[in-house]
Amino acid sequence: MSIIWAIIIGLIAGLVAKALMPGRDPGGFIITALLGIVGAVVFTFLGRALGFYNEGESAGFIGAIIGAILLLWIYRLFTKRRGIV
């Protein structure tokens, strides 16, 4: 159930990350939402490994936003180099 919760929080966090990092993204809304979901799930597992969260807990909303912003930033770095933007 914690992964489902992380996905829901990640979807919202992806939208917030897009609002905090304005600019053109090649994938638009769908890619940003997926990056938010992946960011929340990755931050959940990273937080568990670092001892921030116990087993069964998911990343908080702030953690999910941080994960989504980091992934969105990395995504923009790779898409700029290819000339997609």
PDB file of N, CA and C in Angstrom:
ATOM      1  N   MET A   1       0.822  -1.195   0.000  1.00  0.00           N
ATOM      2  CA  MET A   1       0.000   0.000   0.000  1.00  0.00           C
ATOM      3  C   MET A   1       0.866   1.259   0.000  1.00  0.00           C
ATOM      4  N   SER A   2       2.076   1.180   0.558  1.00  0.00           N
ATOM      5  CA  SER A   2       2.921   2.369   0.614  1.00  0.00           C
ATOM      6  C   SER A   2       3.388   2.785  -0.776  1.00  0.00           C
ATOM      7  N   ILE A   3       3.579   1.828  -1.679  1.00  0.00           N
ATOM      8  CA  ILE A   3       3.988   2.175  -3.043  1.00  0.00           C
ATOM      9  C   ILE A   3       2.848   2.903  -3.760  1.00  0.00           C
ATOM     10  N   ILE A   4       1.620   2.472  -3.540  1.00  0.00           N
ATOM     11  CA  ILE A   4       0.470   3.149  -4.156  1.00  0.00           C
ATOM     12  C   ILE A   4       0.378   4.580  -3.640  1.00  0.00           C
ATOM     13  N   TRP A   5       0.596   4.751  -2.338  1.00  0.00           N
ATOM     14  CA  TRP A   5       0.565   6.084  -1.751  1.00  0.00           C
ATOM     15  C   TRP A   5       1.690   6.942  -2.328  1.00  0.00           C
ATOM     16  N   ALA A   6       2.875   6.352  -2.509  1.00  0.00           N
ATOM     17  CA  ALA A   6       4.008   7.079  -3.094  1.00  0.00           C
ATOM     18  C   ALA A   6       3.690   7.500  -4.526  1.00  0.00           C
ATOM     19  N   ILE A   7       2.990   6.671  -5.265  1.00  0.00           N
ATOM     20  CA  ILE A   7       2.611   7.008  -6.645  1.00  0.00           C
ATOM     21  C   ILE A   7       1.638   8.175  -6.664  1.00  0.00           C
ATOM     22  N   ILE A   8       0.665   8.163  -5.773  1.00  0.00           N
ATOM     23  CA  ILE A   8      -0.317   9.251  -5.717  1.00  0.00           C
ATOM     24  C   ILE A   8       0.367  10.559  -5.323  1.00  0.00           C
ATOM     25  N   ILE A   9       1.199  10.503  -4.296  1.00  0.00           N
ATOM     26  CA  ILE A   9       1.929  11.694  -3.868  1.00  0.00           C
ATOM     27  C   ILE A   9       2.866  12.152  -4.977  1.00  0.00           C
ATOM     28  N   GLY A  10       3.512  11.203  -5.659  1.00  0.00           N
ATOM     29  CA  GLY A  10       4.433  11.540  -6.738  1.00  0.00           C
ATOM     30  C   GLY A  10       3.765  12.236  -7.898  1.00  0.00           C
ATOM     31  N   LEU A  11       2.552  11.846  -8.212  1.00  0.00           N
ATOM     32  CA  LEU A  11       1.812  12.502  -9.292  1.00  0.00           C
ATOM     33  C   LEU A  11       1.601  13.971  -8.964  1.00  0.00           C
ATOM     34  N   ILE A  12       1.182  14.236  -7.747  1.00  0.00           N
ATOM     35  CA  ILE A  12       0.969  15.621  -7.319  1.00  0.00           C
ATOM     36  C   ILE A  12       2.307  16.355  -7.228  1.00  0.00           C
ATOM     37  N   ALA A  13       3.331  15.671  -6.729  1.00  0.00           N
ATOM     38  CA  ALA A  13       4.652  16.291  -6.599  1.00  0.00           C
ATOM     39  C   ALA A  13       5.225  16.641  -7.972  1.00  0.00           C
ATOM     40  N   GLY A  14       4.977  15.825  -8.974  1.00  0.00           N
ATOM     41  CA  GLY A  14       5.431  16.133 -10.326  1.00  0.00           C
ATOM     42  C   GLY A  14       4.817  17.410 -10.853  1.00  0.00           C
ATOM     43  N   LEU A  15       3.564  17.613 -10.555  1.00  0.00           N
ATOM     44  CA  LEU A  15       2.899  18.846 -10.980  1.00  0.00           C
ATOM     45  C   LEU A  15       3.458  20.059 -10.241  1.00  0.00           C
ATOM     46  N   VAL A  16       3.723  19.893  -8.946  1.00  0.00           N
ATOM     47  CA  VAL A  16       4.310  20.987  -8.168  1.00  0.00           C
ATOM     48  C   VAL A  16       5.728  21.278  -8.656  1.00  0.00           C
ATOM     49  N   ALA A  17       6.502  20.225  -8.951  1.00  0.00           N
ATOM     50  CA  ALA A  17       7.865  20.416  -9.457  1.00  0.00           C
ATOM     51  C   ALA A  17       7.844  21.169 -10.784  1.00  0.00           C
ATOM     52  N   LYS A  18       6.896  20.869 -11.635  1.00  0.00           N
ATOM     53  CA  LYS A  18       6.759  21.575 -12.917  1.00  0.00           C
ATOM     54  C   LYS A  18       6.451  23.048 -12.679  1.00  0.00           C
ATOM     55  N   ALA A  19       5.638  23.331 -11.660  1.00  0.00           N
ATOM     56  CA  ALA A  19       5.311  24.720 -11.349  1.00  0.00           C
ATOM     57  C   ALA A  19       6.515  25.456 -10.773  1.00  0.00           C
ATOM     58  N   LEU A  20       7.351  24.748 -10.011  1.00  0.00           N
ATOM     59  CA  LEU A  20       8.536  25.366  -9.414  1.00  0.00           C
ATOM     60  C   LEU A  20       9.673  25.519 -10.408  1.00  0.00           C
ATOM     61  N   MET A  21       9.698  24.691 -11.443  1.00  0.00           N
ATOM     62  CA  MET A  21      10.747  24.741 -12.470  1.00  0.00           C
ATOM     63  C   MET A  21      10.113  25.035 -13.823  1.00  0.00           C
ATOM     64  N   PRO A  22       9.736  26.277 -14.041  1.00  0.00           N
ATOM     65  CA  PRO A  22       9.085  26.585 -15.317  1.00  0.00           C
ATOM     66  C   PRO A  22      10.065  26.443 -16.476  1.00  0.00           C
ATOM     67  N   GLY A  23       9.509  26.231 -17.606  1.00  0.00           N
ATOM     68  CA  GLY A  23      10.307  26.075 -18.822  1.00  0.00           C
ATOM     69  C   GLY A  23       9.692  25.005 -19.692  1.00  0.00           C
ATOM     70  N   ARG A  24      10.250  24.861 -20.864  1.00  0.00           N
ATOM     71  CA  ARG A  24       9.724  23.872 -21.812  1.00  0.00           C
ATOM     72  C   ARG A  24      10.297  22.505 -21.514  1.00  0.00           C
ATOM     73  N   ASP A  25       9.423  21.546 -21.430  1.00  0.00           N
ATOM     74  CA  ASP A  25       9.819  20.150 -21.297  1.00  0.00           C
ATOM     75  C   ASP A  25       9.327  19.420 -22.531  1.00  0.00           C
ATOM     76  N   PRO A  26      10.181  18.626 -23.149  1.00  0.00           N
ATOM     77  CA  PRO A  26       9.786  17.931 -24.365  1.00  0.00           C
ATOM     78  C   PRO A  26       8.598  16.999 -24.173  1.00  0.00           C
ATOM     79  N   GLY A  27       8.456  16.410 -23.003  1.00  0.00           N
ATOM     80  CA  GLY A  27       7.395  15.452 -22.775  1.00  0.00           C
ATOM     81  C   GLY A  27       6.106  16.067 -22.300  1.00  0.00           C
ATOM     82  N   GLY A  28       6.166  17.283 -21.813  1.00  0.00           N
ATOM     83  CA  GLY A  28       4.978  17.957 -21.333  1.00  0.00           C
ATOM     84  C   GLY A  28       4.450  17.373 -20.041  1.00  0.00           C
ATOM     85  N   PHE A  29       3.146  17.406 -19.899  1.00  0.00           N
ATOM     86  CA  PHE A  29       2.466  17.017 -18.667  1.00  0.00           C
ATOM     87  C   PHE A  29       2.716  15.562 -18.280  1.00  0.00           C
ATOM     88  N   ILE A  30       2.659  14.659 -19.228  1.00  0.00           N
ATOM     89  CA  ILE A  30       2.763  13.232 -18.921  1.00  0.00           C
ATOM     90  C   ILE A  30       4.156  12.877 -18.412  1.00  0.00           C
ATOM     91  N   ILE A  31       5.192  13.360 -19.072  1.00  0.00           N
ATOM     92  CA  ILE A  31       6.562  13.078 -18.638  1.00  0.00           C
ATOM     93  C   ILE A  31       6.811  13.686 -17.261  1.00  0.00           C
ATOM     94  N   THR A  32       6.319  14.905 -17.027  1.00  0.00           N
ATOM     95  CA  THR A  32       6.504  15.549 -15.731  1.00  0.00           C
ATOM     96  C   THR A  32       5.813  14.763 -14.630  1.00  0.00           C
ATOM     97  N   ALA A  33       4.609  14.279 -14.888  1.00  0.00           N
ATOM     98  CA  ALA A  33       3.898  13.478 -13.892  1.00  0.00           C
ATOM     99  C   ALA A  33       4.627  12.165 -13.626  1.00  0.00           C
ATOM    100  N   LEU A  34       5.135  11.527 -14.677  1.00  0.00           N
ATOM    101  CA  LEU A  34       5.889  10.282 -14.492  1.00  0.00           C
ATOM    102  C   LEU A  34       7.189  10.516 -13.729  1.00  0.00           C
ATOM    103  N   LEU A  35       7.859  11.629 -13.997  1.00  0.00           N
ATOM    104  CA  LEU A  35       9.068  11.953 -13.244  1.00  0.00           C
ATOM    105  C   LEU A  35       8.754  12.191 -11.774  1.00  0.00           C
ATOM    106  N   GLY A  36       7.618  12.781 -11.496  1.00  0.00           N
ATOM    107  CA  GLY A  36       7.194  12.971 -10.104  1.00  0.00           C
ATOM    108  C   GLY A  36       6.929  11.652  -9.408  1.00  0.00           C
ATOM    109  N   ILE A  37       6.293  10.727 -10.103  1.00  0.00           N
ATOM    110  CA  ILE A  37       6.020   9.405  -9.530  1.00  0.00           C
ATOM    111  C   ILE A  37       7.327   8.671  -9.268  1.00  0.00           C
ATOM    112  N   VAL A  38       8.211   8.669 -10.261  1.00  0.00           N
ATOM    113  CA  VAL A  38       9.503   7.986 -10.094  1.00  0.00           C
ATOM    114  C   VAL A  38      10.322   8.662  -8.999  1.00  0.00           C
ATOM    115  N   GLY A  39      10.287   9.984  -8.947  1.00  0.00           N
ATOM    116  CA  GLY A  39      11.006  10.716  -7.908  1.00  0.00           C
ATOM    117  C   GLY A  39      10.523  10.359  -6.517  1.00  0.00           C
ATOM    118  N   ALA A  40       9.216  10.222  -6.346  1.00  0.00           N
ATOM    119  CA  ALA A  40       8.671   9.863  -5.036  1.00  0.00           C
ATOM    120  C   ALA A  40       9.050   8.441  -4.648  1.00  0.00           C
ATOM    121  N   VAL A  41       8.978   7.530  -5.599  1.00  0.00           N
ATOM    122  CA  VAL A  41       9.323   6.133  -5.311  1.00  0.00           C
ATOM    123  C   VAL A  41      10.818   6.004  -5.016  1.00  0.00           C
ATOM    124  N   VAL A  42      11.656   6.686  -5.810  1.00  0.00           N
ATOM    125  CA  VAL A  42      13.103   6.633  -5.580  1.00  0.00           C
ATOM    126  C   VAL A  42      13.442   7.263  -4.238  1.00  0.00           C
ATOM    127  N   PHE A  43      12.827   8.402  -3.934  1.00  0.00           N
ATOM    128  CA  PHE A  43      13.102   9.065  -2.665  1.00  0.00           C
ATOM    129  C   PHE A  43      12.603   8.226  -1.487  1.00  0.00           C
ATOM    130  N   THR A  44      11.535   7.448  -1.677  1.00  0.00           N
ATOM    131  CA  THR A  44      11.059   6.541  -0.637  1.00  0.00           C
ATOM    132  C   THR A  44      12.117   5.486  -0.330  1.00  0.00           C
ATOM    133  N   PHE A  45      12.637   4.841  -1.370  1.00  0.00           N
ATOM    134  CA  PHE A  45      13.647   3.802  -1.153  1.00  0.00           C
ATOM    135  C   PHE A  45      14.950   4.396  -0.629  1.00  0.00           C
ATOM    136  N   LEU A  46      15.327   5.576  -1.119  1.00  0.00           N
ATOM    137  CA  LEU A  46      16.533   6.236  -0.634  1.00  0.00           C
ATOM    138  C   LEU A  46      16.373   6.635   0.833  1.00  0.00           C
ATOM    139  N   GLY A  47      15.217   7.134   1.179  1.00  0.00           N
ATOM    140  CA  GLY A  47      14.941   7.498   2.573  1.00  0.00           C
ATOM    141  C   GLY A  47      14.956   6.301   3.500  1.00  0.00           C
ATOM    142  N   ARG A  48      14.464   5.171   3.036  1.00  0.00           N
ATOM    143  CA  ARG A  48      14.529   3.943   3.841  1.00  0.00           C
ATOM    144  C   ARG A  48      15.969   3.488   4.022  1.00  0.00           C
ATOM    145  N   ALA A  49      16.771   3.581   2.964  1.00  0.00           N
ATOM    146  CA  ALA A  49      18.170   3.158   3.049  1.00  0.00           C
ATOM    147  C   ALA A  49      18.963   4.063   3.989  1.00  0.00           C
ATOM    148  N   LEU A  50      18.627   5.351   4.018  1.00  0.00           N
ATOM    149  CA  LEU A  50      19.326   6.291   4.885  1.00  0.00           C
ATOM    150  C   LEU A  50      18.740   6.353   6.285  1.00  0.00           C
ATOM    151  N   GLY A  51      17.628   5.655   6.522  1.00  0.00           N
ATOM    152  CA  GLY A  51      17.026   5.607   7.847  1.00  0.00           C
ATOM    153  C   GLY A  51      16.019   6.706   8.140  1.00  0.00           C
ATOM    154  N   PHE A  52      15.618   7.469   7.116  1.00  0.00           N
ATOM    155  CA  PHE A  52      14.623   8.516   7.323  1.00  0.00           C
ATOM    156  C   PHE A  52      13.217   7.950   7.497  1.00  0.00           C
ATOM    157  N   TYR A  53      12.934   6.861   6.810  1.00  0.00           N
ATOM    158  CA  TYR A  53      11.614   6.246   6.850  1.00  0.00           C
ATOM    159  C   TYR A  53      11.747   4.799   7.296  1.00  0.00           C
ATOM    160  N   ASN A  54      10.730   4.321   8.020  1.00  0.00           N
ATOM    161  CA  ASN A  54      10.687   2.914   8.395  1.00  0.00           C
ATOM    162  C   ASN A  54      10.088   2.107   7.259  1.00  0.00           C
ATOM    163  N   GLU A  55      10.215   0.798   7.355  1.00  0.00           N
ATOM    164  CA  GLU A  55       9.604  -0.091   6.354  1.00  0.00           C
ATOM    165  C   GLU A  55       8.100   0.128   6.360  1.00  0.00           C
ATOM    166  N   GLY A  56       7.526   0.299   5.193  1.00  0.00           N
ATOM    167  CA  GLY A  56       6.087   0.523   5.078  1.00  0.00           C
ATOM    168  C   GLY A  56       5.719   1.995   5.010  1.00  0.00           C
ATOM    169  N   GLU A  57       6.663   2.898   5.249  1.00  0.00           N
ATOM    170  CA  GLU A  57       6.399   4.323   5.143  1.00  0.00           C
ATOM    171  C   GLU A  57       6.858   4.815   3.777  1.00  0.00           C
ATOM    172  N   SER A  58       6.148   5.782   3.251  1.00  0.00           N
ATOM    173  CA  SER A  58       6.557   6.350   1.965  1.00  0.00           C
ATOM    174  C   SER A  58       7.112   7.744   2.190  1.00  0.00           C
ATOM    175  N   ALA A  59       7.729   8.277   1.168  1.00  0.00           N
ATOM    176  CA  ALA A  59       8.296   9.623   1.262  1.00  0.00           C
ATOM    177  C   ALA A  59       7.174  10.621   1.494  1.00  0.00           C
ATOM    178  N   GLY A  60       7.487  11.628   2.258  1.00  0.00           N
ATOM    179  CA  GLY A  60       6.529  12.694   2.476  1.00  0.00           C
ATOM    180  C   GLY A  60       6.393  13.555   1.236  1.00  0.00           C
ATOM    181  N   PHE A  61       5.505  14.482   1.316  1.00  0.00           N
ATOM    182  CA  PHE A  61       5.226  15.328   0.167  1.00  0.00           C
ATOM    183  C   PHE A  61       6.452  16.161  -0.215  1.00  0.00           C
ATOM    184  N   ILE A  62       7.148  16.699   0.779  1.00  0.00           N
ATOM    185  CA  ILE A  62       8.335  17.509   0.503  1.00  0.00           C
ATOM    186  C   ILE A  62       9.426  16.642  -0.123  1.00  0.00           C
ATOM    187  N   GLY A  63       9.622  15.448   0.400  1.00  0.00           N
ATOM    188  CA  GLY A  63      10.612  14.527  -0.160  1.00  0.00           C
ATOM    189  C   GLY A  63      10.291  14.155  -1.592  1.00  0.00           C
ATOM    190  N   ALA A  64       9.013  13.948  -1.874  1.00  0.00           N
ATOM    191  CA  ALA A  64       8.597  13.617  -3.240  1.00  0.00           C
ATOM    192  C   ALA A  64       8.847  14.790  -4.185  1.00  0.00           C
ATOM    193  N   ILE A  65       8.619  15.999  -3.707  1.00  0.00           N
ATOM    194  CA  ILE A  65       8.872  17.172  -4.543  1.00  0.00           C
ATOM    195  C   ILE A  65      10.366  17.304  -4.819  1.00  0.00           C
ATOM    196  N   ILE A  66      11.192  17.087  -3.794  1.00  0.00           N
ATOM    197  CA  ILE A  66      12.641  17.154  -3.985  1.00  0.00           C
ATOM    198  C   ILE A  66      13.092  16.110  -5.004  1.00  0.00           C
ATOM    199  N   GLY A  67      12.588  14.883  -4.868  1.00  0.00           N
ATOM    200  CA  GLY A  67      12.929  13.832  -5.827  1.00  0.00           C
ATOM    201  C   GLY A  67      12.479  14.174  -7.237  1.00  0.00           C
ATOM    202  N   ALA A  68      11.283  14.736  -7.363  1.00  0.00           N
ATOM    203  CA  ALA A  68      10.762  15.104  -8.686  1.00  0.00           C
ATOM    204  C   ALA A  68      11.571  16.241  -9.299  1.00  0.00           C
ATOM    205  N   ILE A  69      11.956  17.229  -8.491  1.00  0.00           N
ATOM    206  CA  ILE A  69      12.755  18.344  -9.015  1.00  0.00           C
ATOM    207  C   ILE A  69      14.114  17.843  -9.481  1.00  0.00           C
ATOM    208  N   LEU A  70      14.733  16.970  -8.699  1.00  0.00           N
ATOM    209  CA  LEU A  70      16.026  16.423  -9.101  1.00  0.00           C
ATOM    210  C   LEU A  70      15.935  15.643 -10.400  1.00  0.00           C
ATOM    211  N   LEU A  71      14.924  14.804 -10.523  1.00  0.00           N
ATOM    212  CA  LEU A  71      14.768  14.035 -11.760  1.00  0.00           C
ATOM    213  C   LEU A  71      14.421  14.930 -12.950  1.00  0.00           C
ATOM    214  N   LEU A  72      13.614  15.944 -12.716  1.00  0.00           N
ATOM    215  CA  LEU A  72      13.272  16.867 -13.795  1.00  0.00           C
ATOM    216  C   LEU A  72      14.515  17.630 -14.246  1.00  0.00           C
ATOM    217  N   TRP A  73      15.360  18.028 -13.328  1.00  0.00           N
ATOM    218  CA  TRP A  73      16.602  18.710 -13.658  1.00  0.00           C
ATOM    219  C   TRP A  73      17.533  17.798 -14.462  1.00  0.00           C
ATOM    220  N   ILE A  74      17.672  16.547 -14.017  1.00  0.00           N
ATOM    221  CA  ILE A  74      18.506  15.575 -14.738  1.00  0.00           C
ATOM    222  C   ILE A  74      17.929  15.314 -16.132  1.00  0.00           C
ATOM    223  N   TYR A  75      16.619  15.188 -16.218  1.00  0.00           N
ATOM    224  CA  TYR A  75      15.950  14.962 -17.505  1.00  0.00           C
ATOM    225  C   TYR A  75      16.228  16.106 -18.470  1.00  0.00           C
ATOM    226  N   ARG A  76      16.164  17.331 -17.968  1.00  0.00           N
ATOM    227  CA  ARG A  76      16.424  18.493 -18.825  1.00  0.00           C
ATOM    228  C   ARG A  76      17.872  18.530 -19.293  1.00  0.00           C
ATOM    229  N   LEU A  77      18.802  18.104 -18.425  1.00  0.00           N
ATOM    230  CA  LEU A  77      20.207  18.059 -18.832  1.00  0.00           C
ATOM    231  C   LEU A  77      20.416  17.109 -20.001  1.00  0.00           C
ATOM    232  N   PHE A  78      19.795  15.932 -19.934  1.00  0.00           N
ATOM    233  CA  PHE A  78      19.983  14.945 -20.993  1.00  0.00           C
ATOM    234  C   PHE A  78      19.246  15.318 -22.276  1.00  0.00           C
ATOM    235  N   THR A  79      18.088  15.918 -22.161  1.00  0.00           N
ATOM    236  CA  THR A  79      17.339  16.266 -23.378  1.00  0.00           C
ATOM    237  C   THR A  79      17.941  17.477 -24.067  1.00  0.00           C
ATOM    238  N   LYS A  80      18.586  18.371 -23.328  1.00  0.00           N
ATOM    239  CA  LYS A  80      19.245  19.507 -23.967  1.00  0.00           C
ATOM    240  C   LYS A  80      20.438  19.086 -24.783  1.00  0.00           C
ATOM    241  N   ARG A  81      21.182  18.116 -24.300  1.00  0.00           N
ATOM    242  CA  ARG A  81      22.375  17.659 -25.009  1.00  0.00           C
ATOM    243  C   ARG A  81      22.038  16.997 -26.326  1.00  0.00           C
ATOM    244  N   ARG A  82      20.912  16.341 -26.367  1.00  0.00           N
ATOM    245  CA  ARG A  82      20.507  15.667 -27.603  1.00  0.00           C
ATOM    246  C   ARG A  82      19.912  16.628 -28.607  1.00  0.00           C
ATOM    247  N   GLY A  83      19.571  17.819 -28.178  1.00  0.00           N
ATOM    248  CA  GLY A  83      18.975  18.783 -29.095  1.00  0.00           C
ATOM    249  C   GLY A  83      17.478  18.600 -29.244  1.00  0.00           C
ATOM    250  N   ILE A  84      16.838  17.940 -28.285  1.00  0.00           N
ATOM    251  CA  ILE A  84      15.399  17.712 -28.375  1.00  0.00           C
ATOM    252  C   ILE A  84      14.640  18.987 -28.044  1.00  0.00           C
ATOM    253  N   VAL A  85      15.148  19.798 -27.147  1.00  0.00           N
ATOM    254  CA  VAL A  85      14.446  20.986 -26.689  1.00  0.00           C
ATOM    255  C   VAL A  85      14.427  22.027 -27.728  1.00  0.00           C
TER     256      VAL A  85
END
